[in-house]
Amino acid sequence: MAHATRRLRRYLEDELEECRSEDVDRRLAELDTLEAALGADRVDAELDVLSALAAETRYTLTRVLVAANEELCVCELNAVVDVSESGLSHALSTLADAGLVTGRTDGRWRKYRATNRAVALVTVLEGSVDVGDRIDADAATDDPGAGTNAGTGAAIEDE
């Protein structure tokens, strides 16, 4: 923590042109408030959702259910992904635990549908990741729009 505090002090000195211990203490308190607002339980729950989407099979199932905009039977979903029945069951269970799909039994069939959370996440991803635009921007370096998102004109930042 001491190293982080020294770096923060240097940063505040650059920003404020003068830095007192009170400035550092005040900024640390502000940062603690921001961290506390997140809450460990909320962060854990959000990470569970992201982890559920981090496997190709589960992400594909989520995308298919969102695109279908209706319930699909497990037998229909099994035709979409190349996994065993137990693998499919496990993937759907993980997605349900993360709140991305809901399932119900209809007679002898099990059906699933995407939740509003899944729809929102897929919608955000569709709007933020456009592989075609990214490849075009990287390939056309003399293009005045290169390095920007074609849809918004916003700069694409590499991390």
C-alpha atoms as a PDB file:
ATOM      1  CA  MET A   1       0.000   0.000   0.000  1.00  0.00           C
ATOM      2  CA  ALA A   2       2.902   2.360   0.723  1.00  0.00           C
ATOM      3  CA  HIS A   3       4.134   2.067  -2.873  1.00  0.00           C
ATOM      4  CA  ALA A   4       0.646   2.808  -4.196  1.00  0.00           C
ATOM      5  CA  THR A   5       0.379   5.796  -1.869  1.00  0.00           C
ATOM      6  CA  ARG A   6       3.726   7.158  -3.107  1.00  0.00           C
ATOM      7  CA  ARG A   7       2.591   6.803  -6.715  1.00  0.00           C
ATOM      8  CA  LEU A   8      -0.710   8.490  -5.886  1.00  0.00           C
ATOM      9  CA  ARG A   9       1.186  11.334  -4.212  1.00  0.00           C
ATOM     10  CA  ARG A  10       3.331  11.807  -7.354  1.00  0.00           C
ATOM     11  CA  TYR A  11       0.216  11.758  -9.518  1.00  0.00           C
ATOM     12  CA  LEU A  12      -1.572  14.332  -7.365  1.00  0.00           C
ATOM     13  CA  GLU A  13       1.528  16.524  -7.342  1.00  0.00           C
ATOM     14  CA  ASP A  14       1.475  16.495 -11.142  1.00  0.00           C
ATOM     15  CA  GLU A  15      -2.254  17.208 -11.269  1.00  0.00           C
ATOM     16  CA  LEU A  16      -2.489  19.757  -8.457  1.00  0.00           C
ATOM     17  CA  GLU A  17       1.053  21.175  -8.774  1.00  0.00           C
ATOM     18  CA  GLU A  18       1.229  20.841  -5.000  1.00  0.00           C
ATOM     19  CA  CYS A  19       0.240  17.905  -2.856  1.00  0.00           C
ATOM     20  CA  ARG A  20      -0.304  17.672   0.889  1.00  0.00           C
ATOM     21  CA  SER A  21      -0.899  14.592   2.988  1.00  0.00           C
ATOM     22  CA  GLU A  22      -4.535  15.689   3.331  1.00  0.00           C
ATOM     23  CA  ASP A  23      -4.901  15.591  -0.463  1.00  0.00           C
ATOM     24  CA  VAL A  24      -3.640  12.013  -0.560  1.00  0.00           C
ATOM     25  CA  ASP A  25      -5.838  10.989   2.378  1.00  0.00           C
ATOM     26  CA  ARG A  26      -8.914  12.593   0.798  1.00  0.00           C
ATOM     27  CA  ARG A  27      -8.282  10.877  -2.540  1.00  0.00           C
ATOM     28  CA  LEU A  28      -7.707   7.513  -0.831  1.00  0.00           C
ATOM     29  CA  ALA A  29     -11.024   7.937   1.003  1.00  0.00           C
ATOM     30  CA  GLU A  30     -12.771   8.716  -2.309  1.00  0.00           C
ATOM     31  CA  LEU A  31     -11.246   5.616  -3.893  1.00  0.00           C
ATOM     32  CA  ASP A  32     -12.276   3.472  -0.903  1.00  0.00           C
ATOM     33  CA  THR A  33     -15.847   4.725  -1.331  1.00  0.00           C
ATOM     34  CA  LEU A  34     -15.794   3.745  -5.008  1.00  0.00           C
ATOM     35  CA  GLU A  35     -14.474   0.285  -4.156  1.00  0.00           C
ATOM     36  CA  ALA A  36     -17.050  -0.209  -1.390  1.00  0.00           C
ATOM     37  CA  ALA A  37     -19.865   0.784  -3.758  1.00  0.00           C
ATOM     38  CA  LEU A  38     -19.042  -2.212  -5.923  1.00  0.00           C
ATOM     39  CA  GLY A  39     -19.405  -4.673  -3.082  1.00  0.00           C
ATOM     40  CA  ALA A  40     -17.617  -8.018  -3.084  1.00  0.00           C
ATOM     41  CA  ASP A  41     -20.856  -9.980  -3.525  1.00  0.00           C
ATOM     42  CA  ARG A  42     -21.814  -7.965  -6.590  1.00  0.00           C
ATOM     43  CA  VAL A  43     -18.381  -8.386  -8.146  1.00  0.00           C
ATOM     44  CA  ASP A  44     -18.513 -12.146  -7.499  1.00  0.00           C
ATOM     45  CA  ALA A  45     -21.981 -12.405  -9.060  1.00  0.00           C
ATOM     46  CA  GLU A  46     -20.913 -10.423 -12.129  1.00  0.00           C
ATOM     47  CA  LEU A  47     -17.803 -12.568 -12.515  1.00  0.00           C
ATOM     48  CA  ASP A  48     -19.995 -15.684 -12.365  1.00  0.00           C
ATOM     49  CA  VAL A  49     -22.028 -14.328 -15.287  1.00  0.00           C
ATOM     50  CA  LEU A  50     -18.928 -13.498 -17.304  1.00  0.00           C
ATOM     51  CA  SER A  51     -17.392 -16.887 -16.486  1.00  0.00           C
ATOM     52  CA  ALA A  52     -20.553 -18.595 -17.695  1.00  0.00           C
ATOM     53  CA  LEU A  53     -20.150 -16.886 -21.068  1.00  0.00           C
ATOM     54  CA  ALA A  54     -16.422 -17.618 -21.263  1.00  0.00           C
ATOM     55  CA  ALA A  55     -16.829 -21.091 -22.789  1.00  0.00           C
ATOM     56  CA  GLU A  56     -17.646 -21.467 -26.469  1.00  0.00           C
ATOM     57  CA  THR A  57     -20.478 -23.951 -25.940  1.00  0.00           C
ATOM     58  CA  ARG A  58     -22.209 -21.829 -23.298  1.00  0.00           C
ATOM     59  CA  TYR A  59     -21.734 -18.631 -25.274  1.00  0.00           C
ATOM     60  CA  THR A  60     -23.109 -20.272 -28.423  1.00  0.00           C
ATOM     61  CA  LEU A  61     -26.135 -21.564 -26.520  1.00  0.00           C
ATOM     62  CA  THR A  62     -26.758 -18.094 -25.108  1.00  0.00           C
ATOM     63  CA  ARG A  63     -26.473 -16.447 -28.534  1.00  0.00           C
ATOM     64  CA  VAL A  64     -28.815 -19.020 -30.105  1.00  0.00           C
ATOM     65  CA  LEU A  65     -31.424 -18.599 -27.369  1.00  0.00           C
ATOM     66  CA  VAL A  66     -31.243 -14.803 -27.641  1.00  0.00           C
ATOM     67  CA  ALA A  67     -31.573 -14.955 -31.439  1.00  0.00           C
ATOM     68  CA  ALA A  68     -34.465 -17.427 -31.223  1.00  0.00           C
ATOM     69  CA  ASN A  69     -36.453 -15.091 -28.979  1.00  0.00           C
ATOM     70  CA  GLU A  70     -38.483 -18.111 -27.870  1.00  0.00           C
ATOM     71  CA  GLU A  71     -38.111 -21.304 -25.916  1.00  0.00           C
ATOM     72  CA  LEU A  72     -36.056 -24.049 -27.501  1.00  0.00           C
ATOM     73  CA  CYS A  73     -36.102 -27.710 -26.562  1.00  0.00           C
ATOM     74  CA  VAL A  74     -32.881 -29.328 -25.371  1.00  0.00           C
ATOM     75  CA  CYS A  75     -33.067 -31.575 -28.448  1.00  0.00           C
ATOM     76  CA  GLU A  76     -33.003 -28.455 -30.663  1.00  0.00           C
ATOM     77  CA  LEU A  77     -30.076 -26.997 -28.748  1.00  0.00           C
ATOM     78  CA  ASN A  78     -28.211 -30.293 -29.000  1.00  0.00           C
ATOM     79  CA  ALA A  79     -28.400 -29.960 -32.796  1.00  0.00           C
ATOM     80  CA  VAL A  80     -26.630 -26.588 -32.542  1.00  0.00           C
ATOM     81  CA  VAL A  81     -23.638 -27.532 -30.372  1.00  0.00           C
ATOM     82  CA  ASP A  82     -21.406 -30.553 -30.732  1.00  0.00           C
ATOM     83  CA  VAL A  83     -21.366 -31.834 -27.156  1.00  0.00           C
ATOM     84  CA  SER A  84     -22.698 -34.869 -25.336  1.00  0.00           C
ATOM     85  CA  GLU A  85     -26.095 -34.745 -23.665  1.00  0.00           C
ATOM     86  CA  SER A  86     -24.429 -34.521 -20.258  1.00  0.00           C
ATOM     87  CA  GLY A  87     -22.157 -31.728 -21.536  1.00  0.00           C
ATOM     88  CA  LEU A  88     -25.195 -29.863 -22.830  1.00  0.00           C
ATOM     89  CA  SER A  89     -27.021 -30.367 -19.544  1.00  0.00           C
ATOM     90  CA  HIS A  90     -24.024 -29.082 -17.596  1.00  0.00           C
ATOM     91  CA  ALA A  91     -23.668 -26.036 -19.878  1.00  0.00           C
ATOM     92  CA  LEU A  92     -27.353 -25.152 -19.527  1.00  0.00           C
ATOM     93  CA  SER A  93     -27.179 -25.621 -15.762  1.00  0.00           C
ATOM     94  CA  THR A  94     -24.220 -23.226 -15.560  1.00  0.00           C
ATOM     95  CA  LEU A  95     -26.086 -20.666 -17.669  1.00  0.00           C
ATOM     96  CA  ALA A  96     -29.185 -21.022 -15.492  1.00  0.00           C
ATOM     97  CA  ASP A  97     -27.122 -20.595 -12.305  1.00  0.00           C
ATOM     98  CA  ALA A  98     -25.697 -17.384 -13.781  1.00  0.00           C
ATOM     99  CA  GLY A  99     -29.198 -16.093 -14.558  1.00  0.00           C
ATOM    100  CA  LEU A 100     -28.687 -16.160 -18.320  1.00  0.00           C
ATOM    101  CA  VAL A 101     -31.313 -18.778 -19.182  1.00  0.00           C
ATOM    102  CA  THR A 102     -34.421 -20.213 -17.596  1.00  0.00           C
ATOM    103  CA  GLY A 103     -35.637 -23.728 -18.111  1.00  0.00           C
ATOM    104  CA  ARG A 104     -38.902 -25.534 -17.637  1.00  0.00           C
ATOM    105  CA  THR A 105     -40.245 -28.998 -18.203  1.00  0.00           C
ATOM    106  CA  ASP A 106     -43.063 -29.330 -20.719  1.00  0.00           C
ATOM    107  CA  GLY A 107     -44.329 -32.891 -20.502  1.00  0.00           C
ATOM    108  CA  ARG A 108     -41.309 -35.015 -21.255  1.00  0.00           C
ATOM    109  CA  TRP A 109     -39.332 -32.186 -22.875  1.00  0.00           C
ATOM    110  CA  ARG A 110     -37.042 -29.648 -21.245  1.00  0.00           C
ATOM    111  CA  LYS A 111     -37.156 -26.162 -22.774  1.00  0.00           C
ATOM    112  CA  TYR A 112     -34.927 -23.123 -22.264  1.00  0.00           C
ATOM    113  CA  ARG A 113     -35.190 -19.441 -23.023  1.00  0.00           C
ATOM    114  CA  ALA A 114     -32.756 -16.521 -22.704  1.00  0.00           C
ATOM    115  CA  THR A 115     -33.317 -14.099 -19.840  1.00  0.00           C
ATOM    116  CA  ASN A 116     -33.352 -10.319 -20.146  1.00  0.00           C
ATOM    117  CA  ARG A 117     -29.820 -10.334 -18.696  1.00  0.00           C
ATOM    118  CA  ALA A 118     -28.626 -12.568 -21.564  1.00  0.00           C
ATOM    119  CA  VAL A 119     -30.351 -10.379 -24.142  1.00  0.00           C
ATOM    120  CA  ALA A 120     -28.737  -7.259 -22.667  1.00  0.00           C
ATOM    121  CA  LEU A 121     -25.246  -8.772 -22.598  1.00  0.00           C
ATOM    122  CA  VAL A 122     -25.448 -10.118 -26.140  1.00  0.00           C
ATOM    123  CA  THR A 123     -26.796  -6.775 -27.356  1.00  0.00           C
ATOM    124  CA  VAL A 124     -23.913  -4.915 -25.720  1.00  0.00           C
ATOM    125  CA  LEU A 125     -21.380  -7.328 -27.190  1.00  0.00           C
ATOM    126  CA  GLU A 126     -22.899  -7.044 -30.652  1.00  0.00           C
ATOM    127  CA  GLY A 127     -22.581  -3.274 -30.455  1.00  0.00           C
ATOM    128  CA  SER A 128     -19.031  -3.234 -29.126  1.00  0.00           C
ATOM    129  CA  VAL A 129     -17.349  -6.028 -31.068  1.00  0.00           C
ATOM    130  CA  ASP A 130     -17.495  -5.991 -34.826  1.00  0.00           C
ATOM    131  CA  VAL A 131     -14.691  -8.173 -36.116  1.00  0.00           C
ATOM    132  CA  GLY A 132     -15.183  -7.055 -39.717  1.00  0.00           C
ATOM    133  CA  ASP A 133     -14.804  -3.383 -38.833  1.00  0.00           C
ATOM    134  CA  ARG A 134     -11.734  -4.096 -36.709  1.00  0.00           C
ATOM    135  CA  ILE A 135     -10.033  -6.093 -39.483  1.00  0.00           C
ATOM    136  CA  ASP A 136     -10.888  -3.419 -42.070  1.00  0.00           C
ATOM    137  CA  ALA A 137      -9.498  -0.674 -39.828  1.00  0.00           C
ATOM    138  CA  ASP A 138      -6.280  -2.578 -39.199  1.00  0.00           C
ATOM    139  CA  ALA A 139      -5.800  -3.369 -42.899  1.00  0.00           C
ATOM    140  CA  ALA A 140      -6.473   0.144 -44.221  1.00  0.00           C
ATOM    141  CA  THR A 141      -3.873   2.219 -42.412  1.00  0.00           C
ATOM    142  CA  ASP A 142      -4.110   5.076 -44.908  1.00  0.00           C
ATOM    143  CA  ASP A 143      -7.896   5.182 -44.452  1.00  0.00           C
ATOM    144  CA  PRO A 144      -8.851   8.333 -42.485  1.00  0.00           C
ATOM    145  CA  GLY A 145     -11.311   6.261 -40.448  1.00  0.00           C
ATOM    146  CA  ALA A 146      -8.771   3.562 -39.558  1.00  0.00           C
ATOM    147  CA  GLY A 147      -8.558   2.913 -35.859  1.00  0.00           C
ATOM    148  CA  THR A 148     -12.131   3.996 -35.252  1.00  0.00           C
ATOM    149  CA  ASN A 149     -15.347   2.078 -34.798  1.00  0.00           C
ATOM    150  CA  ALA A 150     -17.170   2.332 -38.108  1.00  0.00           C
ATOM    151  CA  GLY A 151     -20.534   2.541 -36.395  1.00  0.00           C
ATOM    152  CA  THR A 152     -19.719   5.351 -33.999  1.00  0.00           C
ATOM    153  CA  GLY A 153     -16.489   6.898 -35.235  1.00  0.00           C
ATOM    154  CA  ALA A 154     -15.095   6.420 -31.730  1.00  0.00           C
ATOM    155  CA  ALA A 155     -11.460   5.490 -31.390  1.00  0.00           C
ATOM    156  CA  ILE A 156     -10.706   1.814 -30.901  1.00  0.00           C
ATOM    157  CA  GLU A 157      -8.382   1.466 -27.951  1.00  0.00           C
ATOM    158  CA  ASP A 158      -6.038  -1.485 -27.597  1.00  0.00           C
ATOM    159  CA  GLU A 159      -5.451  -2.723 -24.082  1.00  0.00           C
END
